[in-house]
């Protein structure tokens, strides 16, 4: 880790907090609803009935996320923030998500 282990952990935490705040500002939720229990490496964003459309839209804009699984496939998608993901990547995701129109 060139940037140092503690800095990597801090970056993951800061990215997670910004991601959660940003998706909530856009009217979406997260799973679990209480962010204290949310992962610091993968965020599950809730978008009832439109998650698959959002995933396809984001991919068409060059933003790669993963769909929900099983009975949540239509209602949530997953955003990874582990590894080489930086604040500007989180902002690019949020800016692109804000452009989504049904």
C-alpha atoms as a PDB file:
ATOM      1  CA  UNK A   1       0.000   0.000   0.000  1.00  0.00           C
ATOM      2  CA  UNK A   2       1.823   3.070  -1.207  1.00  0.00           C
ATOM      3  CA  UNK A   3      -0.634   5.348   0.547  1.00  0.00           C
ATOM      4  CA  UNK A   4      -0.384   3.370   3.801  1.00  0.00           C
ATOM      5  CA  UNK A   5      -2.845   0.980   5.390  1.00  0.00           C
ATOM      6  CA  UNK A   6      -4.435   3.561   7.709  1.00  0.00           C
ATOM      7  CA  UNK A   7      -4.971   5.933   4.782  1.00  0.00           C
ATOM      8  CA  UNK A   8      -6.628   3.196   2.730  1.00  0.00           C
ATOM      9  CA  UNK A   9      -9.025   2.425   5.588  1.00  0.00           C
ATOM     10  CA  UNK A  10      -9.749   6.146   6.033  1.00  0.00           C
ATOM     11  CA  UNK A  11     -10.411   6.533   2.286  1.00  0.00           C
ATOM     12  CA  UNK A  12     -12.845   3.611   2.338  1.00  0.00           C
ATOM     13  CA  UNK A  13     -14.661   5.139   5.326  1.00  0.00           C
ATOM     14  CA  UNK A  14     -14.842   8.603   3.750  1.00  0.00           C
ATOM     15  CA  UNK A  15     -15.981   7.186   0.399  1.00  0.00           C
ATOM     16  CA  UNK A  16     -18.679   5.163   2.141  1.00  0.00           C
ATOM     17  CA  UNK A  17     -19.971   8.155   4.083  1.00  0.00           C
ATOM     18  CA  UNK A  18     -20.096  10.319   0.935  1.00  0.00           C
ATOM     19  CA  UNK A  19     -21.755   7.558  -1.081  1.00  0.00           C
ATOM     20  CA  UNK A  20     -24.439   6.989   1.541  1.00  0.00           C
ATOM     21  CA  UNK A  21     -25.111  10.712   1.948  1.00  0.00           C
ATOM     22  CA  UNK A  22     -25.212  11.196  -1.815  1.00  0.00           C
ATOM     23  CA  UNK A  23     -27.641   8.388  -2.601  1.00  0.00           C
ATOM     24  CA  UNK A  24     -29.917   9.603   0.183  1.00  0.00           C
ATOM     25  CA  UNK A  25     -29.759  13.155  -1.198  1.00  0.00           C
ATOM     26  CA  UNK A  26     -30.936  11.710  -4.523  1.00  0.00           C
ATOM     27  CA  UNK A  27     -33.897   9.997  -2.850  1.00  0.00           C
ATOM     28  CA  UNK A  28     -32.573   6.447  -2.651  1.00  0.00           C
ATOM     29  CA  UNK A  29     -31.917   4.364   0.436  1.00  0.00           C
ATOM     30  CA  UNK A  30     -29.378   1.787   1.551  1.00  0.00           C
ATOM     31  CA  UNK A  31     -29.442  -1.679   3.054  1.00  0.00           C
ATOM     32  CA  UNK A  32     -29.182  -1.964   5.965  1.00  0.00           C
ATOM     33  CA  UNK A  33     -31.209   1.153   6.690  1.00  0.00           C
ATOM     34  CA  UNK A  34     -29.013   1.974   9.687  1.00  0.00           C
ATOM     35  CA  UNK A  35     -25.687   3.026   8.209  1.00  0.00           C
ATOM     36  CA  UNK A  36     -23.860   1.941  11.354  1.00  0.00           C
ATOM     37  CA  UNK A  37     -24.249  -1.620  10.081  1.00  0.00           C
ATOM     38  CA  UNK A  38     -23.345  -0.819   6.478  1.00  0.00           C
ATOM     39  CA  UNK A  39     -20.256  -2.308   4.870  1.00  0.00           C
ATOM     40  CA  UNK A  40     -17.296  -0.009   4.233  1.00  0.00           C
ATOM     41  CA  UNK A  41     -16.406  -1.847   1.027  1.00  0.00           C
ATOM     42  CA  UNK A  42     -19.772  -2.407  -0.700  1.00  0.00           C
ATOM     43  CA  UNK A  43     -22.945  -0.348  -0.456  1.00  0.00           C
ATOM     44  CA  UNK A  44     -26.363  -1.769  -1.292  1.00  0.00           C
ATOM     45  CA  UNK A  45     -28.517   1.019  -2.766  1.00  0.00           C
ATOM     46  CA  UNK A  46     -32.296   0.572  -2.748  1.00  0.00           C
ATOM     47  CA  UNK A  47     -34.311   1.670  -5.783  1.00  0.00           C
ATOM     48  CA  UNK A  48     -37.664  -0.085  -5.590  1.00  0.00           C
ATOM     49  CA  UNK A  49     -38.708  -1.499  -8.945  1.00  0.00           C
ATOM     50  CA  UNK A  50     -36.025   0.277 -10.972  1.00  0.00           C
ATOM     51  CA  UNK A  51     -32.648  -1.142  -9.965  1.00  0.00           C
ATOM     52  CA  UNK A  52     -32.117  -3.082 -13.207  1.00  0.00           C
ATOM     53  CA  UNK A  53     -32.841   0.031 -15.272  1.00  0.00           C
ATOM     54  CA  UNK A  54     -30.435   2.071 -13.154  1.00  0.00           C
ATOM     55  CA  UNK A  55     -27.674  -0.540 -13.503  1.00  0.00           C
ATOM     56  CA  UNK A  56     -28.121  -0.553 -17.296  1.00  0.00           C
ATOM     57  CA  UNK A  57     -28.133   3.256 -17.431  1.00  0.00           C
ATOM     58  CA  UNK A  58     -25.002   3.553 -15.301  1.00  0.00           C
ATOM     59  CA  UNK A  59     -23.211   0.963 -17.435  1.00  0.00           C
ATOM     60  CA  UNK A  60     -24.167   2.878 -20.599  1.00  0.00           C
ATOM     61  CA  UNK A  61     -22.469   5.896 -19.018  1.00  0.00           C
ATOM     62  CA  UNK A  62     -19.303   3.949 -18.134  1.00  0.00           C
ATOM     63  CA  UNK A  63     -20.097   3.422 -14.447  1.00  0.00           C
ATOM     64  CA  UNK A  64     -19.925  -0.236 -13.426  1.00  0.00           C
ATOM     65  CA  UNK A  65     -22.082  -1.441 -10.547  1.00  0.00           C
ATOM     66  CA  UNK A  66     -23.691  -4.802  -9.800  1.00  0.00           C
ATOM     67  CA  UNK A  67     -27.361  -5.636  -9.678  1.00  0.00           C
ATOM     68  CA  UNK A  68     -29.182  -7.019  -6.707  1.00  0.00           C
ATOM     69  CA  UNK A  69     -29.571 -10.738  -6.190  1.00  0.00           C
ATOM     70  CA  UNK A  70     -32.585 -13.011  -5.954  1.00  0.00           C
ATOM     71  CA  UNK A  71     -35.790 -11.372  -4.847  1.00  0.00           C
ATOM     72  CA  UNK A  72     -33.973  -8.009  -4.544  1.00  0.00           C
ATOM     73  CA  UNK A  73     -32.873  -7.885  -8.185  1.00  0.00           C
ATOM     74  CA  UNK A  74     -35.492  -5.266  -9.106  1.00  0.00           C
ATOM     75  CA  UNK A  75     -35.140  -3.274  -5.909  1.00  0.00           C
ATOM     76  CA  UNK A  76     -31.424  -2.805  -5.167  1.00  0.00           C
ATOM     77  CA  UNK A  77     -27.989  -2.620  -6.700  1.00  0.00           C
ATOM     78  CA  UNK A  78     -24.499  -2.799  -5.248  1.00  0.00           C
ATOM     79  CA  UNK A  79     -21.731  -0.215  -5.455  1.00  0.00           C
ATOM     80  CA  UNK A  80     -18.191  -1.316  -4.654  1.00  0.00           C
ATOM     81  CA  UNK A  81     -15.840   1.147  -2.989  1.00  0.00           C
ATOM     82  CA  UNK A  82     -12.984  -1.156  -2.046  1.00  0.00           C
ATOM     83  CA  UNK A  83      -9.549  -0.935  -3.607  1.00  0.00           C
ATOM     84  CA  UNK A  84      -8.603   1.801  -6.037  1.00  0.00           C
ATOM     85  CA  UNK A  85     -11.776   3.878  -5.678  1.00  0.00           C
ATOM     86  CA  UNK A  86     -11.232   7.533  -4.867  1.00  0.00           C
ATOM     87  CA  UNK A  87     -13.479  10.467  -3.930  1.00  0.00           C
ATOM     88  CA  UNK A  88     -13.661  11.599  -7.558  1.00  0.00           C
ATOM     89  CA  UNK A  89     -14.975   8.147  -8.502  1.00  0.00           C
ATOM     90  CA  UNK A  90     -17.719   8.418  -5.889  1.00  0.00           C
ATOM     91  CA  UNK A  91     -18.642  11.879  -7.198  1.00  0.00           C
ATOM     92  CA  UNK A  92     -18.696  10.600 -10.800  1.00  0.00           C
ATOM     93  CA  UNK A  93     -21.054   7.811  -9.716  1.00  0.00           C
ATOM     94  CA  UNK A  94     -23.345  10.227  -7.854  1.00  0.00           C
ATOM     95  CA  UNK A  95     -23.368  12.760 -10.707  1.00  0.00           C
ATOM     96  CA  UNK A  96     -24.258  10.040 -13.191  1.00  0.00           C
ATOM     97  CA  UNK A  97     -26.930   8.544 -10.929  1.00  0.00           C
ATOM     98  CA  UNK A  98     -28.473  12.017 -10.641  1.00  0.00           C
ATOM     99  CA  UNK A  99     -28.976  12.009 -14.434  1.00  0.00           C
ATOM    100  CA  UNK A 100     -31.081   8.824 -14.337  1.00  0.00           C
ATOM    101  CA  UNK A 101     -34.646   9.387 -15.506  1.00  0.00           C
ATOM    102  CA  UNK A 102     -37.237   6.621 -15.724  1.00  0.00           C
END
